[in-house]
Amino acid sequence: MLSVKEGFFEGKDFKEGEFKALIPKYYPEKYRKYIREETRLLKLRLKGAGRILEAGVGIGRLIPELAPLVKEFVGVDNADLMIRKSDEIAKNYPNVKVMRADLEESSKLFSKDYFDFILCVWNTLGNVKDEAAVLAELSKIMSKSIFVTVYHKGTLKERQEWYESVGVKISKVDEKNEIFYSESGLKSKSYSLEDVEVIAKASNLRVKDSRILAGVILWAELERLPGKR
């Protein structure tokens, strides 16, 4: 079986065209609305920020939205296709840099508290093996907050519709735990607010703010626990 890096994020589902899973115009309306709401929130929170990191930059969708608002935008990913796609967009913005990196080793690349804010959005967290380990690493290199968006539990039907609309072939659905498995190696999890709170605590973080976007996505802003530096 292909790994998610070798399969899904290298475009195995989209060999004959665009990477529809990361292009909102192909989404059902609820997910297009989520993208709009997330973008609006990020612009409000990040305007005037110094350095920000997008952990899992994908095809660079957020670069044009956020780069003009901040001093420095760094995007990291570990899939060749994602790096190539986001690099094409980054060339238009002198304050943007795209790098290859594994999220589990983020603190080896950047100094302590290097970034003001970190973005881990569009269910990036739901695609990693160990969410707490990734958040713990990211927390070492941020000084203010980590913004996370993940699939919200209780939206199996909507997620199935989304996968069908963008052409991702699902091989298995764990309905009890609300996990989707694709033929291309994707294992996509979902979360309740309580799940995120537990993961955050295990990473020496806490939920500062949360909300549901468009009824399908959970937004959470995470900050360090008091006394944890």
C-alpha atoms as a PDB file:
ATOM      1  CA  MET A   1       0.000   0.000   0.000  1.00  0.00           C
ATOM      2  CA  LEU A   2       1.232   3.499  -0.852  1.00  0.00           C
ATOM      3  CA  SER A   3       2.004   5.893   1.965  1.00  0.00           C
ATOM      4  CA  VAL A   4       0.059   9.142   2.068  1.00  0.00           C
ATOM      5  CA  LYS A   5       3.236  10.988   1.013  1.00  0.00           C
ATOM      6  CA  GLU A   6       3.867   8.660  -1.948  1.00  0.00           C
ATOM      7  CA  GLY A   7       0.224   8.444  -3.015  1.00  0.00           C
ATOM      8  CA  PHE A   8      -2.364  11.056  -2.130  1.00  0.00           C
ATOM      9  CA  PHE A   9      -0.111  14.109  -1.805  1.00  0.00           C
ATOM     10  CA  GLU A  10       1.800  13.170  -4.957  1.00  0.00           C
ATOM     11  CA  GLY A  11      -1.465  13.370  -6.882  1.00  0.00           C
ATOM     12  CA  LYS A  12      -2.288   9.700  -7.405  1.00  0.00           C
ATOM     13  CA  ASP A  13      -6.022  10.528  -7.431  1.00  0.00           C
ATOM     14  CA  PHE A  14      -5.556  13.356  -9.941  1.00  0.00           C
ATOM     15  CA  LYS A  15      -3.159  12.109 -12.601  1.00  0.00           C
ATOM     16  CA  GLU A  16      -5.314  13.411 -15.432  1.00  0.00           C
ATOM     17  CA  GLY A  17      -5.942  16.912 -14.153  1.00  0.00           C
ATOM     18  CA  GLU A  18      -5.916  19.395 -11.290  1.00  0.00           C
ATOM     19  CA  PHE A  19      -5.387  18.466  -7.629  1.00  0.00           C
ATOM     20  CA  LYS A  20      -9.099  18.988  -6.942  1.00  0.00           C
ATOM     21  CA  ALA A  21      -8.852  18.108  -3.242  1.00  0.00           C
ATOM     22  CA  LEU A  22      -7.017  21.383  -2.617  1.00  0.00           C
ATOM     23  CA  ILE A  23      -8.964  23.637  -5.012  1.00  0.00           C
ATOM     24  CA  PRO A  24     -12.135  25.049  -3.398  1.00  0.00           C
ATOM     25  CA  LYS A  25     -14.069  25.616  -6.637  1.00  0.00           C
ATOM     26  CA  TYR A  26     -14.586  21.840  -6.811  1.00  0.00           C
ATOM     27  CA  TYR A  27     -15.959  21.559  -3.262  1.00  0.00           C
ATOM     28  CA  PRO A  28     -19.578  21.190  -2.123  1.00  0.00           C
ATOM     29  CA  GLU A  29     -20.968  24.484  -0.828  1.00  0.00           C
ATOM     30  CA  LYS A  30     -20.434  23.730   2.881  1.00  0.00           C
ATOM     31  CA  TYR A  31     -16.711  23.247   2.314  1.00  0.00           C
ATOM     32  CA  ARG A  32     -16.431  26.313   0.092  1.00  0.00           C
ATOM     33  CA  LYS A  33     -18.079  28.248   2.911  1.00  0.00           C
ATOM     34  CA  TYR A  34     -15.597  26.771   5.391  1.00  0.00           C
ATOM     35  CA  ILE A  35     -12.696  27.968   3.242  1.00  0.00           C
ATOM     36  CA  ARG A  36     -14.158  31.476   3.132  1.00  0.00           C
ATOM     37  CA  GLU A  37     -14.714  31.570   6.893  1.00  0.00           C
ATOM     38  CA  GLU A  38     -11.240  30.216   7.660  1.00  0.00           C
ATOM     39  CA  THR A  39      -9.567  32.702   5.331  1.00  0.00           C
ATOM     40  CA  ARG A  40     -11.461  35.591   6.931  1.00  0.00           C
ATOM     41  CA  LEU A  41     -10.475  34.501  10.440  1.00  0.00           C
ATOM     42  CA  LEU A  42      -6.827  34.035   9.498  1.00  0.00           C
ATOM     43  CA  LYS A  43      -6.662  37.470   7.899  1.00  0.00           C
ATOM     44  CA  LEU A  44      -8.105  39.038  11.033  1.00  0.00           C
ATOM     45  CA  ARG A  45      -5.721  37.195  13.346  1.00  0.00           C
ATOM     46  CA  LEU A  46      -2.559  37.527  11.256  1.00  0.00           C
ATOM     47  CA  LYS A  47      -2.683  41.050   9.877  1.00  0.00           C
ATOM     48  CA  GLY A  48       0.536  42.798  10.879  1.00  0.00           C
ATOM     49  CA  ALA A  49       2.221  39.624  12.180  1.00  0.00           C
ATOM     50  CA  GLY A  50       5.962  39.177  11.904  1.00  0.00           C
ATOM     51  CA  ARG A  51       6.757  35.603  10.922  1.00  0.00           C
ATOM     52  CA  ILE A  52       4.206  32.880  10.244  1.00  0.00           C
ATOM     53  CA  LEU A  53       4.590  29.225   9.301  1.00  0.00           C
ATOM     54  CA  GLU A  54       2.104  27.151   7.352  1.00  0.00           C
ATOM     55  CA  ALA A  55       2.748  23.553   8.396  1.00  0.00           C
ATOM     56  CA  GLY A  56       1.574  21.600   5.366  1.00  0.00           C
ATOM     57  CA  VAL A  57       1.529  24.368   2.743  1.00  0.00           C
ATOM     58  CA  GLY A  58      -0.003  22.133   0.071  1.00  0.00           C
ATOM     59  CA  ILE A  59      -0.407  23.856  -3.291  1.00  0.00           C
ATOM     60  CA  GLY A  60       0.051  27.289  -1.718  1.00  0.00           C
ATOM     61  CA  ARG A  61      -3.602  28.330  -1.630  1.00  0.00           C
ATOM     62  CA  LEU A  62      -3.133  30.645   1.363  1.00  0.00           C
ATOM     63  CA  ILE A  63       0.038  32.351   0.149  1.00  0.00           C
ATOM     64  CA  PRO A  64      -1.728  35.085  -1.898  1.00  0.00           C
ATOM     65  CA  GLU A  65      -4.232  35.641   0.906  1.00  0.00           C
ATOM     66  CA  LEU A  66      -1.787  35.991   3.789  1.00  0.00           C
ATOM     67  CA  ALA A  67       1.658  36.923   2.445  1.00  0.00           C
ATOM     68  CA  PRO A  68       0.686  40.591   1.872  1.00  0.00           C
ATOM     69  CA  LEU A  69      -0.378  40.863   5.531  1.00  0.00           C
ATOM     70  CA  VAL A  70       2.779  39.582   7.252  1.00  0.00           C
ATOM     71  CA  LYS A  71       6.497  40.247   7.308  1.00  0.00           C
ATOM     72  CA  GLU A  72       7.594  36.683   6.519  1.00  0.00           C
ATOM     73  CA  PHE A  73       5.625  33.635   5.362  1.00  0.00           C
ATOM     74  CA  VAL A  74       7.276  30.208   5.455  1.00  0.00           C
ATOM     75  CA  GLY A  75       5.511  27.143   4.085  1.00  0.00           C
ATOM     76  CA  VAL A  76       6.728  23.594   4.662  1.00  0.00           C
ATOM     77  CA  ASP A  77       5.670  20.278   3.161  1.00  0.00           C
ATOM     78  CA  ASN A  78       7.249  16.894   2.505  1.00  0.00           C
ATOM     79  CA  ALA A  79       5.622  15.912  -0.803  1.00  0.00           C
ATOM     80  CA  ASP A  80       7.387  16.736  -4.074  1.00  0.00           C
ATOM     81  CA  LEU A  81       4.190  17.768  -5.860  1.00  0.00           C
ATOM     82  CA  MET A  82       3.138  20.091  -3.060  1.00  0.00           C
ATOM     83  CA  ILE A  83       6.573  21.739  -2.990  1.00  0.00           C
ATOM     84  CA  ARG A  84       6.523  22.320  -6.758  1.00  0.00           C
ATOM     85  CA  LYS A  85       2.997  23.726  -6.762  1.00  0.00           C
ATOM     86  CA  SER A  86       3.496  26.093  -3.825  1.00  0.00           C
ATOM     87  CA  ASP A  87       6.915  27.190  -5.134  1.00  0.00           C
ATOM     88  CA  GLU A  88       5.241  28.428  -8.316  1.00  0.00           C
ATOM     89  CA  ILE A  89       3.068  30.764  -6.250  1.00  0.00           C
ATOM     90  CA  ALA A  90       5.802  31.737  -3.777  1.00  0.00           C
ATOM     91  CA  LYS A  91       7.917  33.195  -6.589  1.00  0.00           C
ATOM     92  CA  ASN A  92       5.456  36.073  -6.814  1.00  0.00           C
ATOM     93  CA  TYR A  93       6.006  37.108  -3.184  1.00  0.00           C
ATOM     94  CA  PRO A  94       9.470  38.207  -1.979  1.00  0.00           C
ATOM     95  CA  ASN A  95       8.593  37.542   1.671  1.00  0.00           C
ATOM     96  CA  VAL A  96       7.606  33.893   1.086  1.00  0.00           C
ATOM     97  CA  LYS A  97       9.837  30.837   1.350  1.00  0.00           C
ATOM     98  CA  VAL A  98       8.791  27.213   0.730  1.00  0.00           C
ATOM     99  CA  MET A  99      10.836  24.424   2.292  1.00  0.00           C
ATOM    100  CA  ARG A 100      10.821  20.646   2.430  1.00  0.00           C
ATOM    101  CA  ALA A 101      10.358  19.420   5.997  1.00  0.00           C
ATOM    102  CA  ASP A 102       8.778  16.754   8.158  1.00  0.00           C
ATOM    103  CA  LEU A 103       6.554  18.331  10.771  1.00  0.00           C
ATOM    104  CA  GLU A 104       7.866  15.919  13.381  1.00  0.00           C
ATOM    105  CA  GLU A 105      11.302  17.542  13.066  1.00  0.00           C
ATOM    106  CA  SER A 106      10.308  21.205  12.820  1.00  0.00           C
ATOM    107  CA  SER A 107      12.424  22.358  15.756  1.00  0.00           C
ATOM    108  CA  LYS A 108      15.591  21.188  13.973  1.00  0.00           C
ATOM    109  CA  LEU A 109      15.009  23.757  11.244  1.00  0.00           C
ATOM    110  CA  PHE A 110      13.945  26.823  13.204  1.00  0.00           C
ATOM    111  CA  SER A 111      15.055  28.414  16.449  1.00  0.00           C
ATOM    112  CA  LYS A 112      12.919  28.610  19.579  1.00  0.00           C
ATOM    113  CA  ASP A 113       9.915  30.942  19.231  1.00  0.00           C
ATOM    114  CA  TYR A 114      10.967  31.818  15.649  1.00  0.00           C
ATOM    115  CA  PHE A 115       7.387  32.242  14.432  1.00  0.00           C
ATOM    116  CA  ASP A 116       4.669  34.406  15.904  1.00  0.00           C
ATOM    117  CA  PHE A 117       1.938  32.125  14.586  1.00  0.00           C
ATOM    118  CA  ILE A 118       1.709  28.684  13.009  1.00  0.00           C
ATOM    119  CA  LEU A 119      -1.054  27.405  10.737  1.00  0.00           C
ATOM    120  CA  CYS A 120      -1.922  23.716  10.668  1.00  0.00           C
ATOM    121  CA  VAL A 121      -5.134  23.895   8.672  1.00  0.00           C
ATOM    122  CA  TRP A 122      -7.439  21.947   6.318  1.00  0.00           C
ATOM    123  CA  ASN A 123      -7.072  18.779   8.394  1.00  0.00           C
ATOM    124  CA  THR A 124      -3.283  18.595   8.124  1.00  0.00           C
ATOM    125  CA  LEU A 125      -3.308  17.424  11.738  1.00  0.00           C
ATOM    126  CA  GLY A 126      -5.785  14.679  10.820  1.00  0.00           C
ATOM    127  CA  ASN A 127      -3.334  13.208   8.318  1.00  0.00           C
ATOM    128  CA  VAL A 128      -0.302  12.744  10.606  1.00  0.00           C
ATOM    129  CA  LYS A 129       0.558   9.659  12.643  1.00  0.00           C
ATOM    130  CA  ASP A 130       0.996  11.345  16.017  1.00  0.00           C
ATOM    131  CA  GLU A 131      -0.883  14.609  16.476  1.00  0.00           C
ATOM    132  CA  ALA A 132       0.540  15.339  19.934  1.00  0.00           C
ATOM    133  CA  ALA A 133       4.128  14.838  18.747  1.00  0.00           C
ATOM    134  CA  VAL A 134       3.602  17.208  15.823  1.00  0.00           C
ATOM    135  CA  LEU A 135       1.983  19.897  17.976  1.00  0.00           C
ATOM    136  CA  ALA A 136       4.724  19.554  20.597  1.00  0.00           C
ATOM    137  CA  GLU A 137       7.328  20.176  17.896  1.00  0.00           C
ATOM    138  CA  LEU A 138       5.477  23.141  16.461  1.00  0.00           C
ATOM    139  CA  SER A 139       4.976  24.660  19.902  1.00  0.00           C
ATOM    140  CA  LYS A 140       8.764  24.894  20.305  1.00  0.00           C
ATOM    141  CA  ILE A 141       9.058  27.292  17.390  1.00  0.00           C
ATOM    142  CA  MET A 142       6.014  29.536  17.937  1.00  0.00           C
ATOM    143  CA  SER A 143       5.673  32.418  20.380  1.00  0.00           C
ATOM    144  CA  LYS A 144       1.925  33.136  20.287  1.00  0.00           C
ATOM    145  CA  SER A 145      -0.577  30.663  18.790  1.00  0.00           C
ATOM    146  CA  ILE A 146      -1.121  27.662  16.553  1.00  0.00           C
ATOM    147  CA  PHE A 147      -4.258  27.737  14.417  1.00  0.00           C
ATOM    148  CA  VAL A 148      -5.723  24.308  13.674  1.00  0.00           C
ATOM    149  CA  THR A 149      -8.670  23.287  11.510  1.00  0.00           C
ATOM    150  CA  VAL A 150      -9.788  19.654  11.338  1.00  0.00           C
ATOM    151  CA  TYR A 151     -12.805  17.653  10.224  1.00  0.00           C
ATOM    152  CA  HIS A 152     -15.480  17.875  12.892  1.00  0.00           C
ATOM    153  CA  LYS A 153     -16.940  14.635  14.208  1.00  0.00           C
ATOM    154  CA  GLY A 154     -20.510  13.943  13.207  1.00  0.00           C
ATOM    155  CA  THR A 155     -20.040  14.899   9.546  1.00  0.00           C
ATOM    156  CA  LEU A 156     -19.562  11.499   7.875  1.00  0.00           C
ATOM    157  CA  LYS A 157     -22.181  12.181   5.213  1.00  0.00           C
ATOM    158  CA  GLU A 158     -20.739  15.575   4.317  1.00  0.00           C
ATOM    159  CA  ARG A 159     -17.212  14.182   4.147  1.00  0.00           C
ATOM    160  CA  GLN A 160     -18.332  11.350   1.866  1.00  0.00           C
ATOM    161  CA  GLU A 161     -19.900  13.926  -0.438  1.00  0.00           C
ATOM    162  CA  TRP A 162     -16.691  15.965  -0.394  1.00  0.00           C
ATOM    163  CA  TYR A 163     -14.483  12.997  -1.341  1.00  0.00           C
ATOM    164  CA  GLU A 164     -16.837  12.095  -4.177  1.00  0.00           C
ATOM    165  CA  SER A 165     -16.981  15.668  -5.480  1.00  0.00           C
ATOM    166  CA  VAL A 166     -13.181  15.992  -5.749  1.00  0.00           C
ATOM    167  CA  GLY A 167     -12.523  12.482  -7.033  1.00  0.00           C
ATOM    168  CA  VAL A 168     -10.812  10.814  -4.069  1.00  0.00           C
ATOM    169  CA  LYS A 169     -11.478   7.062  -4.139  1.00  0.00           C
ATOM    170  CA  ILE A 170     -12.309   5.777  -0.663  1.00  0.00           C
ATOM    171  CA  SER A 171     -11.357   2.180   0.097  1.00  0.00           C
ATOM    172  CA  LYS A 172     -12.637   1.951   3.681  1.00  0.00           C
ATOM    173  CA  VAL A 173     -14.616   3.949   6.230  1.00  0.00           C
ATOM    174  CA  ASP A 174     -14.271   3.387   9.972  1.00  0.00           C
ATOM    175  CA  GLU A 175     -17.688   4.780  10.905  1.00  0.00           C
ATOM    176  CA  LYS A 176     -17.206   4.330  14.651  1.00  0.00           C
ATOM    177  CA  ASN A 177     -14.056   6.471  14.764  1.00  0.00           C
ATOM    178  CA  GLU A 178     -14.990   8.525  11.685  1.00  0.00           C
ATOM    179  CA  ILE A 179     -11.800   7.770   9.749  1.00  0.00           C
ATOM    180  CA  PHE A 180     -11.657   7.613   5.959  1.00  0.00           C
ATOM    181  CA  TYR A 181      -9.045   5.577   4.087  1.00  0.00           C
ATOM    182  CA  SER A 182      -8.355   6.247   0.407  1.00  0.00           C
ATOM    183  CA  GLU A 183      -6.914   3.961  -2.242  1.00  0.00           C
ATOM    184  CA  SER A 184      -4.044   6.439  -2.563  1.00  0.00           C
ATOM    185  CA  GLY A 185      -2.901   5.968   1.041  1.00  0.00           C
ATOM    186  CA  LEU A 186      -4.737   8.774   2.823  1.00  0.00           C
ATOM    187  CA  LYS A 187      -5.896   8.123   6.385  1.00  0.00           C
ATOM    188  CA  SER A 188      -8.099  11.059   7.322  1.00  0.00           C
ATOM    189  CA  LYS A 189      -9.275  11.457  10.902  1.00  0.00           C
ATOM    190  CA  SER A 190     -11.878  13.726  12.513  1.00  0.00           C
ATOM    191  CA  TYR A 191     -12.165  15.292  15.958  1.00  0.00           C
ATOM    192  CA  SER A 192     -14.460  16.659  18.606  1.00  0.00           C
ATOM    193  CA  LEU A 193     -13.434  19.683  20.641  1.00  0.00           C
ATOM    194  CA  GLU A 194     -12.755  17.306  23.545  1.00  0.00           C
ATOM    195  CA  ASP A 195     -10.377  15.294  21.333  1.00  0.00           C
ATOM    196  CA  VAL A 196      -8.437  18.423  20.433  1.00  0.00           C
ATOM    197  CA  GLU A 197      -8.285  19.507  24.075  1.00  0.00           C
ATOM    198  CA  VAL A 198      -6.761  16.151  25.065  1.00  0.00           C
ATOM    199  CA  ILE A 199      -4.192  16.283  22.247  1.00  0.00           C
ATOM    200  CA  ALA A 200      -3.332  19.877  23.081  1.00  0.00           C
ATOM    201  CA  LYS A 201      -2.778  19.083  26.752  1.00  0.00           C
ATOM    202  CA  ALA A 202      -0.466  16.201  25.811  1.00  0.00           C
ATOM    203  CA  SER A 203       1.549  18.772  23.828  1.00  0.00           C
ATOM    204  CA  ASN A 204       1.702  21.283  26.719  1.00  0.00           C
ATOM    205  CA  LEU A 205      -0.885  23.438  24.948  1.00  0.00           C
ATOM    206  CA  ARG A 206      -4.452  24.478  25.614  1.00  0.00           C
ATOM    207  CA  VAL A 207      -7.399  25.616  23.512  1.00  0.00           C
ATOM    208  CA  LYS A 208      -7.668  29.395  23.677  1.00  0.00           C
ATOM    209  CA  ASP A 209     -10.566  29.718  21.239  1.00  0.00           C
ATOM    210  CA  SER A 210     -12.699  27.363  19.147  1.00  0.00           C
ATOM    211  CA  ARG A 211     -15.672  27.381  16.810  1.00  0.00           C
ATOM    212  CA  ILE A 212     -17.351  25.292  14.131  1.00  0.00           C
ATOM    213  CA  LEU A 213     -16.940  26.578  10.577  1.00  0.00           C
ATOM    214  CA  ALA A 214     -19.779  25.998   8.110  1.00  0.00           C
ATOM    215  CA  GLY A 215     -21.034  23.132  10.269  1.00  0.00           C
ATOM    216  CA  VAL A 216     -18.274  20.780   9.084  1.00  0.00           C
ATOM    217  CA  ILE A 217     -14.857  21.965  10.307  1.00  0.00           C
ATOM    218  CA  LEU A 218     -13.550  22.525  13.835  1.00  0.00           C
ATOM    219  CA  TRP A 219     -11.356  25.613  14.292  1.00  0.00           C
ATOM    220  CA  ALA A 220      -9.107  25.856  17.353  1.00  0.00           C
ATOM    221  CA  GLU A 221      -6.515  28.380  18.424  1.00  0.00           C
ATOM    222  CA  LEU A 222      -3.907  26.772  20.678  1.00  0.00           C
ATOM    223  CA  GLU A 223      -1.520  28.461  23.078  1.00  0.00           C
ATOM    224  CA  ARG A 224       1.090  27.192  25.515  1.00  0.00           C
ATOM    225  CA  LEU A 225       0.004  26.136  28.978  1.00  0.00           C
ATOM    226  CA  PRO A 226       0.994  28.710  31.620  1.00  0.00           C
ATOM    227  CA  GLY A 227       4.585  28.200  32.714  1.00  0.00           C
ATOM    228  CA  LYS A 228       5.447  26.024  29.695  1.00  0.00           C
ATOM    229  CA  ARG A 229       8.159  27.622  27.531  1.00  0.00           C
END
